[in-house]
Amino acid sequence: MRHQLSILAPDPDSDERLELLTNLLTDSSGGSMIAVLALVREGASMAYEIKVLDLIDIEVEASFLVLAHKIGNVTRAKCWSYLILGGEDAILVDTGVSSPEILGRLGMTGFVEGDQGLESQLAKHGVSTGDVRYVLHTHTHIDHAGQDDRFPGATGIIKRSELEYSASGLMGAQYPPEYVKHHIDRLHSPGALRLLDLELSGPDEILPGIVCEVAGGHTEGSMNILVETGEGTACICGDIVYDVQNSLVEPYHVMLEREPQVTGNHGLAKRQERAAIKKALNSGRFLLTGHDNPARIEAGRVVARLADSVPGPEVLVEPAVPVA
């Protein structure tokens, strides 16, 4: 048995090794284990595609997005969800706001125009709310967890510490009580919620090719979601970064090389926030934030931007260096 396992471990994509393993399994179990081999091959070649869902535009003060940047100026930011396709089930990351009006609690204004909106965006990819099997949350702020009730048949997956943090009062109205109550209700419905203890367990492969890890920034319970695509790992990092250009490409008011600028909205210390950004930049080939276009990363730098799909067409970016 030890010999059989060693054949699989080094190179599960090798046709020669798979053929040899097929023979061994057939000889020892009369063919009954060939189904297992099929699963091995499927898992080895798992490659997801991530679709950017454009839910709503939000008017917000610019220094909320990047610390001290254009203080007093109002700008518009996107608010995304991500649809992960390529596995057995449709998987959704974050669900946006419950309604544009709820943003008024934070002094913000939301606009849903054209084909924006969760159901419209899902329909573009032939997916309905009933097709979604899992709803993952980078965190559960007002703009990330407002439509979970549209997915009663899906399992929600969040960190236990995020659920606790949402009820702590530490970030006030950024956690609407109706969102918090919904997640508490899910605790008492079989299979409706899965809680991760990533601080203790370490990274958790929740589904084949999808790993959750501690983000270490924005909120105490934020997590990164690492997704294997055909062109490398994509790190969905939530709101540790809002504005890629002014936090990463040309970090505002930062002199140090390879030093990102943090957001103006975070619950942890500046050192932790910057470390969280650096962690995400080193967690995959693609970086997907909650409010800006995806980026391709090389050696911790943004080298290209993408639009509505990862992998997908790219526009190259020339990395900037600090200037006096």
Protein backbone atom coordinates (compact mmCIF):
# COMPACT_ATOMS: atom_id res chain seq x y z
CA MET A 1 0.00 0.00 0.00
CA ARG A 2 2.85 2.37 0.78
CA HIS A 3 4.26 1.74 -2.70
CA GLN A 4 0.92 2.52 -4.33
CA LEU A 5 0.58 5.86 -2.52
CA SER A 6 4.11 6.92 -3.45
CA ILE A 7 3.23 6.52 -7.11
CA LEU A 8 0.45 9.07 -6.76
CA ALA A 9 2.07 11.66 -4.56
CA PRO A 10 4.94 13.04 -6.67
CA ASP A 11 3.04 13.73 -9.89
CA PRO A 12 -0.72 13.14 -10.03
CA ASP A 13 -0.93 14.47 -13.61
CA SER A 14 1.49 11.92 -15.07
CA ASP A 15 -0.33 9.58 -17.45
CA GLU A 16 2.31 6.90 -16.91
CA ARG A 17 1.91 6.96 -13.14
CA LEU A 18 -1.87 7.05 -13.42
CA GLU A 19 -1.82 4.01 -15.72
CA LEU A 20 0.42 2.13 -13.31
CA LEU A 21 -1.82 3.06 -10.40
CA THR A 22 -4.85 1.91 -12.39
CA ASN A 23 -3.25 -1.52 -12.86
CA LEU A 24 -2.37 -1.80 -9.19
CA LEU A 25 -5.83 -0.82 -8.02
CA THR A 26 -7.51 -3.15 -10.51
CA ASP A 27 -5.32 -6.06 -9.47
CA SER A 28 -5.96 -5.53 -5.78
CA SER A 29 -9.63 -4.61 -5.79
CA GLY A 30 -11.16 -6.01 -8.95
CA GLY A 31 -11.70 -2.58 -10.50
CA SER A 32 -13.78 -1.20 -7.64
CA MET A 33 -11.26 1.55 -6.93
CA ILE A 34 -11.18 3.00 -10.43
CA ALA A 35 -13.76 5.58 -9.36
CA VAL A 36 -11.26 6.79 -6.79
CA LEU A 37 -8.68 7.18 -9.53
CA ALA A 38 -11.12 9.29 -11.52
CA LEU A 39 -11.52 11.59 -8.54
CA VAL A 40 -7.74 11.85 -8.21
CA ARG A 41 -7.43 12.90 -11.84
CA GLU A 42 -10.27 15.41 -11.47
CA GLY A 43 -8.78 16.93 -8.32
CA ALA A 44 -5.32 17.14 -9.89
CA SER A 45 -6.63 19.15 -12.84
CA MET A 46 -9.03 21.42 -10.89
CA ALA A 47 -8.89 24.89 -12.40
CA TYR A 48 -11.52 27.45 -11.53
CA GLU A 49 -12.53 30.61 -13.34
CA ILE A 50 -13.56 33.66 -11.33
CA LYS A 51 -16.16 36.07 -12.64
CA VAL A 52 -16.37 39.64 -11.32
CA LEU A 53 -19.96 40.57 -10.45
CA ASP A 54 -20.65 44.31 -10.58
CA LEU A 55 -23.24 44.92 -7.85
CA ILE A 56 -23.36 48.63 -7.04
CA ASP A 57 -21.42 51.89 -7.17
CA ILE A 58 -20.83 53.66 -3.87
CA GLU A 59 -20.06 57.35 -3.34
CA VAL A 60 -17.54 57.60 -0.55
CA GLU A 61 -14.99 60.06 0.82
CA ALA A 62 -11.65 59.35 -0.89
CA SER A 63 -9.59 59.06 2.30
CA PHE A 64 -11.84 56.17 3.36
CA LEU A 65 -10.31 54.19 0.49
CA VAL A 66 -6.67 55.23 0.99
CA LEU A 67 -5.44 56.76 4.23
CA ALA A 68 -5.38 60.61 4.04
CA HIS A 69 -5.76 60.58 0.23
CA LYS A 70 -7.74 63.56 -1.15
CA ILE A 71 -9.37 64.30 2.18
CA GLY A 72 -12.83 65.80 1.73
CA ASN A 73 -13.22 64.69 -1.89
CA VAL A 74 -16.06 62.33 -2.77
CA THR A 75 -15.37 59.56 -5.28
CA ARG A 76 -17.16 56.50 -6.61
CA ALA A 77 -16.04 52.97 -5.82
CA LYS A 78 -17.22 49.69 -7.22
CA CYS A 79 -18.60 46.93 -5.04
CA TRP A 80 -17.98 43.40 -6.29
CA SER A 81 -18.98 39.86 -5.62
CA TYR A 82 -17.04 37.00 -7.14
CA LEU A 83 -18.56 33.95 -8.81
CA ILE A 84 -16.32 30.90 -8.86
CA LEU A 85 -17.06 28.46 -11.67
CA GLY A 86 -15.45 25.24 -12.80
CA GLY A 87 -16.30 22.90 -9.94
CA GLU A 88 -19.36 20.81 -9.24
CA ASP A 89 -21.22 23.76 -7.74
CA ALA A 90 -21.42 27.50 -8.23
CA ILE A 91 -19.62 29.32 -5.41
CA LEU A 92 -20.17 32.96 -4.47
CA VAL A 93 -17.80 35.19 -2.55
CA ASP A 94 -19.62 38.03 -0.75
CA THR A 95 -23.14 39.24 -1.52
CA GLY A 96 -22.97 43.05 -1.44
CA VAL A 97 -25.39 45.42 0.26
CA SER A 98 -28.98 44.56 1.11
CA SER A 99 -30.15 47.75 -0.62
CA PRO A 100 -28.62 51.07 -1.73
CA GLU A 101 -30.52 52.86 1.04
CA ILE A 102 -28.74 51.02 3.86
CA LEU A 103 -25.50 52.79 2.96
CA GLY A 104 -27.03 56.01 4.29
CA ARG A 105 -26.29 54.71 7.78
CA LEU A 106 -22.61 55.38 7.01
CA GLY A 107 -23.22 58.66 5.20
CA MET A 108 -22.65 57.00 1.82
CA THR A 109 -24.81 56.83 -1.30
CA GLY A 110 -25.31 53.75 -3.46
CA PHE A 111 -26.28 53.58 -7.13
CA VAL A 112 -27.51 50.49 -8.99
CA GLU A 113 -27.60 51.18 -12.71
CA GLY A 114 -27.96 49.20 -15.93
CA ASP A 115 -27.28 45.49 -15.43
CA GLN A 116 -25.78 45.94 -11.97
CA GLY A 117 -27.26 43.92 -9.12
CA LEU A 118 -26.62 40.42 -7.85
CA GLU A 119 -29.31 38.49 -9.71
CA SER A 120 -28.64 40.27 -13.02
CA GLN A 121 -24.93 39.65 -12.73
CA LEU A 122 -25.39 35.97 -11.88
CA ALA A 123 -27.76 35.59 -14.85
CA LYS A 124 -25.00 36.81 -17.21
CA HIS A 125 -23.24 33.54 -16.44
CA GLY A 126 -26.32 31.34 -16.54
CA VAL A 127 -26.50 31.07 -12.75
CA SER A 128 -29.50 31.70 -10.49
CA THR A 129 -29.49 32.21 -6.74
CA GLY A 130 -30.76 28.64 -6.36
CA ASP A 131 -27.70 27.29 -8.20
CA VAL A 132 -25.26 28.67 -5.61
CA ARG A 133 -24.17 25.96 -3.19
CA TYR A 134 -21.69 27.92 -1.05
CA VAL A 135 -21.48 31.57 -0.02
CA LEU A 136 -18.04 32.52 1.28
CA HIS A 137 -17.30 35.78 3.05
CA THR A 138 -14.01 37.62 3.19
CA HIS A 139 -15.79 39.49 6.00
CA THR A 140 -19.37 40.54 6.73
CA HIS A 141 -19.43 44.33 6.56
CA ILE A 142 -22.43 46.29 5.29
CA ASP A 143 -21.25 46.03 1.65
CA HIS A 144 -20.31 42.34 1.72
CA ALA A 145 -23.03 40.27 3.41
CA GLY A 146 -26.34 41.99 2.74
CA GLN A 147 -28.01 39.43 0.50
CA ASP A 148 -27.24 36.15 2.22
CA ASP A 149 -30.96 35.66 2.79
CA ARG A 150 -31.35 35.17 -0.98
CA PHE A 151 -29.44 31.89 -0.62
CA PRO A 152 -31.42 29.83 1.91
CA GLY A 153 -30.21 26.56 0.39
CA ALA A 154 -26.53 27.51 0.41
CA THR A 155 -24.00 26.97 3.17
CA GLY A 156 -22.41 30.19 4.37
CA ILE A 157 -18.70 29.98 5.23
CA ILE A 158 -17.06 32.58 7.45
CA LYS A 159 -14.52 32.73 10.24
CA ARG A 160 -15.91 32.22 13.72
CA SER A 161 -13.94 35.28 14.84
CA GLU A 162 -15.70 37.39 12.17
CA LEU A 163 -19.10 36.39 13.51
CA GLU A 164 -17.92 37.33 17.01
CA TYR A 165 -16.39 40.60 15.81
CA SER A 166 -19.57 41.56 13.95
CA ALA A 167 -21.48 41.44 17.24
CA SER A 168 -18.80 43.23 19.28
CA GLY A 169 -19.81 46.79 18.39
CA LEU A 170 -16.22 47.71 17.60
CA MET A 171 -17.02 48.87 14.06
CA GLY A 172 -20.54 50.10 14.75
CA ALA A 173 -22.95 50.45 11.84
CA GLN A 174 -20.55 48.76 9.45
CA TYR A 175 -22.18 45.56 10.75
CA PRO A 176 -25.95 46.10 10.34
CA PRO A 177 -27.92 44.28 13.04
CA GLU A 178 -30.09 42.55 10.45
CA TYR A 179 -26.97 40.97 8.89
CA VAL A 180 -25.69 39.84 12.27
CA LYS A 181 -29.06 38.38 13.25
CA HIS A 182 -29.28 36.50 9.96
CA HIS A 183 -25.95 34.80 10.60
CA ILE A 184 -26.92 33.99 14.17
CA ASP A 185 -30.12 32.39 12.86
CA ARG A 186 -28.05 30.27 10.50
CA LEU A 187 -26.26 28.82 13.53
CA HIS A 188 -29.50 27.05 14.38
CA SER A 189 -30.33 25.73 10.90
CA PRO A 190 -28.63 22.42 10.00
CA GLY A 191 -25.94 22.91 7.37
CA ALA A 192 -26.65 26.59 6.90
CA LEU A 193 -23.34 27.86 8.28
CA ARG A 194 -19.76 26.66 8.49
CA LEU A 195 -17.40 28.44 10.87
CA LEU A 196 -13.64 28.38 10.35
CA ASP A 197 -11.06 28.67 13.14
CA LEU A 198 -8.13 29.59 10.91
CA GLU A 199 -6.10 31.19 13.69
CA LEU A 200 -5.82 27.76 15.29
CA SER A 201 -6.20 25.34 12.38
CA GLY A 202 -4.06 27.19 9.86
CA PRO A 203 -5.12 27.40 6.21
CA ASP A 204 -8.17 25.24 5.49
CA GLU A 205 -8.92 23.67 2.10
CA ILE A 206 -12.68 23.99 2.31
CA LEU A 207 -13.25 22.63 -1.20
CA PRO A 208 -10.88 21.10 -3.75
CA GLY A 209 -8.58 23.87 -4.93
CA ILE A 210 -10.04 26.51 -2.58
CA VAL A 211 -8.15 27.39 0.60
CA CYS A 212 -9.08 29.93 3.27
CA GLU A 213 -6.40 31.64 5.35
CA VAL A 214 -6.26 34.40 7.94
CA ALA A 215 -6.10 37.80 6.24
CA GLY A 216 -4.70 39.62 9.25
CA GLY A 217 -6.20 43.01 8.38
CA HIS A 218 -9.31 45.18 7.96
CA THR A 219 -11.37 43.27 10.55
CA GLU A 220 -10.35 40.80 13.21
CA GLY A 221 -12.15 38.03 11.33
CA SER A 222 -11.26 38.79 7.71
CA MET A 223 -9.97 35.94 5.59
CA ASN A 224 -8.28 35.50 2.23
CA ILE A 225 -9.78 32.98 -0.17
CA LEU A 226 -7.17 31.31 -2.38
CA VAL A 227 -8.56 29.85 -5.58
CA GLU A 228 -6.63 27.68 -8.03
CA THR A 229 -7.12 28.86 -11.61
CA GLY A 230 -5.62 27.62 -14.85
CA GLU A 231 -3.01 30.37 -14.65
CA GLY A 232 -2.15 30.32 -10.96
CA THR A 233 -3.59 31.04 -7.54
CA ALA A 234 -6.00 33.94 -7.13
CA CYS A 235 -6.15 35.60 -3.71
CA ILE A 236 -9.55 37.14 -2.96
CA CYS A 237 -8.58 39.46 -0.12
CA GLY A 238 -11.67 41.52 0.66
CA ASP A 239 -11.01 45.06 1.88
CA ILE A 240 -7.43 45.05 3.08
CA VAL A 241 -7.01 47.10 -0.12
CA TYR A 242 -9.67 49.30 -1.73
CA ASP A 243 -7.70 51.29 -4.32
CA VAL A 244 -4.97 49.28 -6.08
CA GLN A 245 -3.39 52.25 -7.86
CA ASN A 246 -2.98 54.49 -4.82
CA SER A 247 -2.29 51.76 -2.27
CA LEU A 248 -0.01 49.45 -4.28
CA VAL A 249 1.13 50.79 -7.65
CA GLU A 250 1.85 54.35 -6.49
CA PRO A 251 1.30 54.21 -2.72
CA TYR A 252 0.09 57.60 -1.57
CA HIS A 253 2.45 59.49 0.75
CA VAL A 254 4.83 56.50 1.14
CA MET A 255 8.59 56.87 0.67
CA LEU A 256 9.68 53.31 1.42
CA GLU A 257 10.17 50.88 -1.42
CA ARG A 258 7.69 47.98 -1.61
CA GLU A 259 5.63 49.56 1.18
CA PRO A 260 1.87 49.69 0.58
CA GLN A 261 -0.46 52.37 1.87
CA VAL A 262 -3.30 51.20 4.09
CA THR A 263 -6.97 52.06 3.80
CA GLY A 264 -8.70 54.70 5.90
CA ASN A 265 -11.09 52.08 7.25
CA HIS A 266 -9.56 49.33 9.32
CA GLY A 267 -9.90 47.76 12.72
CA LEU A 268 -6.30 46.71 13.34
CA ALA A 269 -2.98 48.50 13.84
CA LYS A 270 -1.13 50.05 10.89
CA ARG A 271 1.68 47.49 11.16
CA GLN A 272 -0.85 44.65 10.98
CA GLU A 273 -2.67 46.26 8.06
CA ARG A 274 0.51 46.67 6.02
CA ALA A 275 1.59 43.13 6.85
CA ALA A 276 -1.81 41.84 5.73
CA ILE A 277 -1.42 43.55 2.37
CA LYS A 278 2.07 42.09 1.93
CA LYS A 279 0.76 38.65 2.84
CA ALA A 280 -1.96 38.87 0.19
CA LEU A 281 0.54 40.04 -2.41
CA ASN A 282 2.55 36.89 -1.73
CA SER A 283 -0.41 34.51 -1.56
CA GLY A 284 -1.04 34.11 -5.26
CA ARG A 285 -0.52 35.25 -8.83
CA PHE A 286 -3.71 37.32 -8.86
CA LEU A 287 -5.07 39.77 -6.28
CA LEU A 288 -8.83 40.37 -6.16
CA THR A 289 -10.08 43.10 -3.83
CA GLY A 290 -13.63 43.98 -2.89
CA HIS A 291 -13.79 47.30 -4.74
CA ASP A 292 -11.23 47.56 -7.54
CA ASN A 293 -10.24 45.68 -10.66
CA PRO A 294 -8.18 42.51 -10.19
CA ALA A 295 -4.41 42.64 -10.54
CA ARG A 296 -1.73 40.19 -11.58
CA ILE A 297 1.20 40.09 -9.20
CA GLU A 298 4.85 39.23 -9.75
CA ALA A 299 7.37 39.29 -6.91
CA GLY A 300 4.98 41.32 -4.77
CA ARG A 301 4.35 43.98 -7.42
CA VAL A 302 1.29 44.77 -9.52
CA VAL A 303 2.30 44.13 -13.13
CA ALA A 304 -1.10 43.98 -14.87
CA ARG A 305 -4.78 44.71 -14.35
CA LEU A 306 -7.75 42.62 -15.42
CA ALA A 307 -11.42 43.39 -16.00
CA ASP A 308 -14.32 41.00 -15.42
CA SER A 309 -12.68 37.57 -15.37
CA VAL A 310 -9.69 35.85 -13.78
CA PRO A 311 -7.86 34.57 -15.71
CA GLY A 312 -8.68 37.01 -18.50
CA PRO A 313 -7.39 39.81 -20.75
CA GLU A 314 -4.80 42.05 -19.13
CA VAL A 315 -3.49 45.60 -19.35
CA LEU A 316 0.14 45.83 -18.31
CA VAL A 317 1.15 48.21 -15.50
CA GLU A 318 4.52 49.85 -15.14
CA PRO A 319 5.48 49.64 -11.44
CA ALA A 320 6.19 53.00 -9.87
CA VAL A 321 8.98 53.86 -7.44
CA PRO A 322 8.85 56.33 -4.56
CA VAL A 323 9.60 59.94 -5.46
CA ALA A 324 10.40 62.85 -3.19
